[in-house]
Each structure stands twice: as C-alpha cells, then as structure tokens.
C-alpha cells in the first residue's frame, strides 16, 4: 500500500475543501483519507489502476498540488501513457521538459 501526502491547497470555501476530500474518498483503491493541520494523507492500494492514477493526477492539477511524488506510481504497465511527453502532468511529475 502506498501512502501519499500533500500540503492542503488554499480552499475557496468549506464546500471546496469538502469536494477535495469527497473526490479522494470516492476513488477506487483510496483509503484512510485524513487531514491534519495543513497536511492531507491517504493510502492507495497497489497496484494503482490507470483510472485511479488519472483521477489523482486530475485532482492534483485542479487543486495545484505538486504531483512530483506521483512519479513513484510509474510501472511498466502504465509507462506508455503516464510518461507520455506533452501531457499536462509530464513536466510536473517527472521534472523533465
């Protein structure tokens, strides 16, 4: 099981904050979503499905969360789309241009 954490973004409202937690909690394979202070931590069952990884990428993008730690989710099975240059996450995740 992978454990990820990130600094909370600046929420625009209580509903915006709830939406982030609801989104995470609805994802297949995500469990133990916890916010403590300014940090959100959650667990991901492994292997992480392509659909879940795409949703996490979208959530991170939407909330301006650094997706760099997601690079560790790369596998030989998802490399063909996850490491595809030109995607909106590529440079942020892999630190390459």
C-alpha atoms as a PDB file:
ATOM      1  CA  UNK A   1       0.000   0.000   0.000  1.00  0.00           C
ATOM      2  CA  UNK A   2       1.362   3.398  -0.994  1.00  0.00           C
ATOM      3  CA  UNK A   3       0.871   6.347   1.334  1.00  0.00           C
ATOM      4  CA  UNK A   4       0.807   9.811  -0.191  1.00  0.00           C
ATOM      5  CA  UNK A   5       0.567  13.175   1.470  1.00  0.00           C
ATOM      6  CA  UNK A   6       0.392  16.765   0.339  1.00  0.00           C
ATOM      7  CA  UNK A   7       0.050  20.266   1.710  1.00  0.00           C
ATOM      8  CA  UNK A   8      -3.526  21.488   1.643  1.00  0.00           C
ATOM      9  CA  UNK A   9      -4.217  23.996  -1.077  1.00  0.00           C
ATOM     10  CA  UNK A  10      -5.906  27.299  -0.378  1.00  0.00           C
ATOM     11  CA  UNK A  11      -9.587  26.408  -0.347  1.00  0.00           C
ATOM     12  CA  UNK A  12     -12.086  28.944  -1.649  1.00  0.00           C
ATOM     13  CA  UNK A  13     -14.840  27.741   0.686  1.00  0.00           C
ATOM     14  CA  UNK A  14     -15.788  24.943   3.062  1.00  0.00           C
ATOM     15  CA  UNK A  15     -17.545  23.280   0.119  1.00  0.00           C
ATOM     16  CA  UNK A  16     -14.347  23.415  -1.916  1.00  0.00           C
ATOM     17  CA  UNK A  17     -12.486  21.660   0.885  1.00  0.00           C
ATOM     18  CA  UNK A  18     -15.220  19.032   1.226  1.00  0.00           C
ATOM     19  CA  UNK A  19     -15.123  18.448  -2.547  1.00  0.00           C
ATOM     20  CA  UNK A  20     -11.423  17.534  -2.401  1.00  0.00           C
ATOM     21  CA  UNK A  21     -11.979  15.024   0.392  1.00  0.00           C
ATOM     22  CA  UNK A  22     -15.100  13.604  -1.286  1.00  0.00           C
ATOM     23  CA  UNK A  23     -13.217  13.196  -4.579  1.00  0.00           C
ATOM     24  CA  UNK A  24     -10.381  11.319  -2.896  1.00  0.00           C
ATOM     25  CA  UNK A  25     -12.720   9.128  -0.852  1.00  0.00           C
ATOM     26  CA  UNK A  26     -14.675   8.068  -3.971  1.00  0.00           C
ATOM     27  CA  UNK A  27     -11.610   6.803  -5.842  1.00  0.00           C
ATOM     28  CA  UNK A  28     -11.203   3.056  -6.201  1.00  0.00           C
ATOM     29  CA  UNK A  29      -8.312   1.856  -4.059  1.00  0.00           C
ATOM     30  CA  UNK A  30      -8.073   5.000  -1.913  1.00  0.00           C
ATOM     31  CA  UNK A  31      -8.463   4.590   1.827  1.00  0.00           C
ATOM     32  CA  UNK A  32      -7.637   6.313   5.086  1.00  0.00           C
ATOM     33  CA  UNK A  33      -8.058   9.857   3.836  1.00  0.00           C
ATOM     34  CA  UNK A  34      -7.062  12.129   6.706  1.00  0.00           C
ATOM     35  CA  UNK A  35      -6.436  15.812   7.076  1.00  0.00           C
ATOM     36  CA  UNK A  36      -4.307  17.015   9.961  1.00  0.00           C
ATOM     37  CA  UNK A  37      -3.339  20.637  10.192  1.00  0.00           C
ATOM     38  CA  UNK A  38      -2.245  21.601   6.703  1.00  0.00           C
ATOM     39  CA  UNK A  39      -1.435  18.066   5.511  1.00  0.00           C
ATOM     40  CA  UNK A  40      -3.697  15.554   3.773  1.00  0.00           C
ATOM     41  CA  UNK A  41      -2.602  11.916   3.838  1.00  0.00           C
ATOM     42  CA  UNK A  42      -4.191   8.967   2.053  1.00  0.00           C
ATOM     43  CA  UNK A  43      -3.417   5.372   1.183  1.00  0.00           C
ATOM     44  CA  UNK A  44      -3.578   3.750  -2.240  1.00  0.00           C
ATOM     45  CA  UNK A  45      -3.939   0.013  -2.803  1.00  0.00           C
ATOM     46  CA  UNK A  46      -1.302  -1.320  -5.135  1.00  0.00           C
ATOM     47  CA  UNK A  47      -1.156  -1.824  -7.980  1.00  0.00           C
ATOM     48  CA  UNK A  48      -2.808   1.527  -8.660  1.00  0.00           C
ATOM     49  CA  UNK A  49      -5.246   1.291 -11.564  1.00  0.00           C
ATOM     50  CA  UNK A  50      -4.806   3.553 -14.579  1.00  0.00           C
ATOM     51  CA  UNK A  51      -8.199   5.116 -13.875  1.00  0.00           C
ATOM     52  CA  UNK A  52      -7.307   5.928 -10.266  1.00  0.00           C
ATOM     53  CA  UNK A  53      -3.914   7.350 -11.214  1.00  0.00           C
ATOM     54  CA  UNK A  54      -5.553   9.561 -13.852  1.00  0.00           C
ATOM     55  CA  UNK A  55      -8.090  10.773 -11.294  1.00  0.00           C
ATOM     56  CA  UNK A  56      -5.353  11.560  -8.761  1.00  0.00           C
ATOM     57  CA  UNK A  57      -3.448  13.463 -11.471  1.00  0.00           C
ATOM     58  CA  UNK A  58      -6.615  15.445 -12.247  1.00  0.00           C
ATOM     59  CA  UNK A  59      -7.284  16.171  -8.585  1.00  0.00           C
ATOM     60  CA  UNK A  60      -3.710  17.336  -8.016  1.00  0.00           C
ATOM     61  CA  UNK A  61      -3.899  19.550 -11.110  1.00  0.00           C
ATOM     62  CA  UNK A  62      -7.274  21.025 -10.102  1.00  0.00           C
ATOM     63  CA  UNK A  63      -6.047  21.934  -6.625  1.00  0.00           C
ATOM     64  CA  UNK A  64      -2.499  22.979  -7.560  1.00  0.00           C
ATOM     65  CA  UNK A  65      -0.872  20.154  -5.603  1.00  0.00           C
ATOM     66  CA  UNK A  66       2.703  19.176  -6.512  1.00  0.00           C
ATOM     67  CA  UNK A  67       2.381  15.917  -8.464  1.00  0.00           C
ATOM     68  CA  UNK A  68       6.105  15.095  -8.290  1.00  0.00           C
ATOM     69  CA  UNK A  69       5.629  12.329  -5.703  1.00  0.00           C
ATOM     70  CA  UNK A  70       3.332  10.525  -8.159  1.00  0.00           C
ATOM     71  CA  UNK A  71       6.383   9.619 -10.281  1.00  0.00           C
ATOM     72  CA  UNK A  72       6.774   6.628  -7.965  1.00  0.00           C
ATOM     73  CA  UNK A  73       3.491   5.269  -9.338  1.00  0.00           C
ATOM     74  CA  UNK A  74       5.099   4.581 -12.732  1.00  0.00           C
ATOM     75  CA  UNK A  75       5.102   0.917 -13.737  1.00  0.00           C
ATOM     76  CA  UNK A  76       5.996  -0.959 -16.885  1.00  0.00           C
ATOM     77  CA  UNK A  77       2.246  -1.321 -17.494  1.00  0.00           C
ATOM     78  CA  UNK A  78       1.384   2.411 -17.333  1.00  0.00           C
ATOM     79  CA  UNK A  79       4.617   3.901 -18.658  1.00  0.00           C
ATOM     80  CA  UNK A  80       3.264   4.224 -22.218  1.00  0.00           C
ATOM     81  CA  UNK A  81       0.651   6.801 -21.187  1.00  0.00           C
ATOM     82  CA  UNK A  82       1.950   8.068 -17.827  1.00  0.00           C
ATOM     83  CA  UNK A  83       5.356   9.123 -19.171  1.00  0.00           C
ATOM     84  CA  UNK A  84       3.999  10.447 -22.467  1.00  0.00           C
ATOM     85  CA  UNK A  85       5.663  13.781 -23.234  1.00  0.00           C
ATOM     86  CA  UNK A  86       3.184  16.544 -23.965  1.00  0.00           C
ATOM     87  CA  UNK A  87       0.662  15.536 -21.296  1.00  0.00           C
ATOM     88  CA  UNK A  88      -0.368  18.232 -18.820  1.00  0.00           C
ATOM     89  CA  UNK A  89       1.367  16.446 -15.941  1.00  0.00           C
ATOM     90  CA  UNK A  90       4.594  15.270 -17.596  1.00  0.00           C
ATOM     91  CA  UNK A  91       6.987  18.091 -16.617  1.00  0.00           C
ATOM     92  CA  UNK A  92       5.493  18.464 -13.139  1.00  0.00           C
ATOM     93  CA  UNK A  93       5.653  14.760 -12.344  1.00  0.00           C
ATOM     94  CA  UNK A  94       8.945  13.843 -13.968  1.00  0.00           C
ATOM     95  CA  UNK A  95      10.812  17.159 -13.811  1.00  0.00           C
ATOM     96  CA  UNK A  96      11.622  16.991 -17.488  1.00  0.00           C
ATOM     97  CA  UNK A  97      10.623  19.124 -20.436  1.00  0.00           C
END
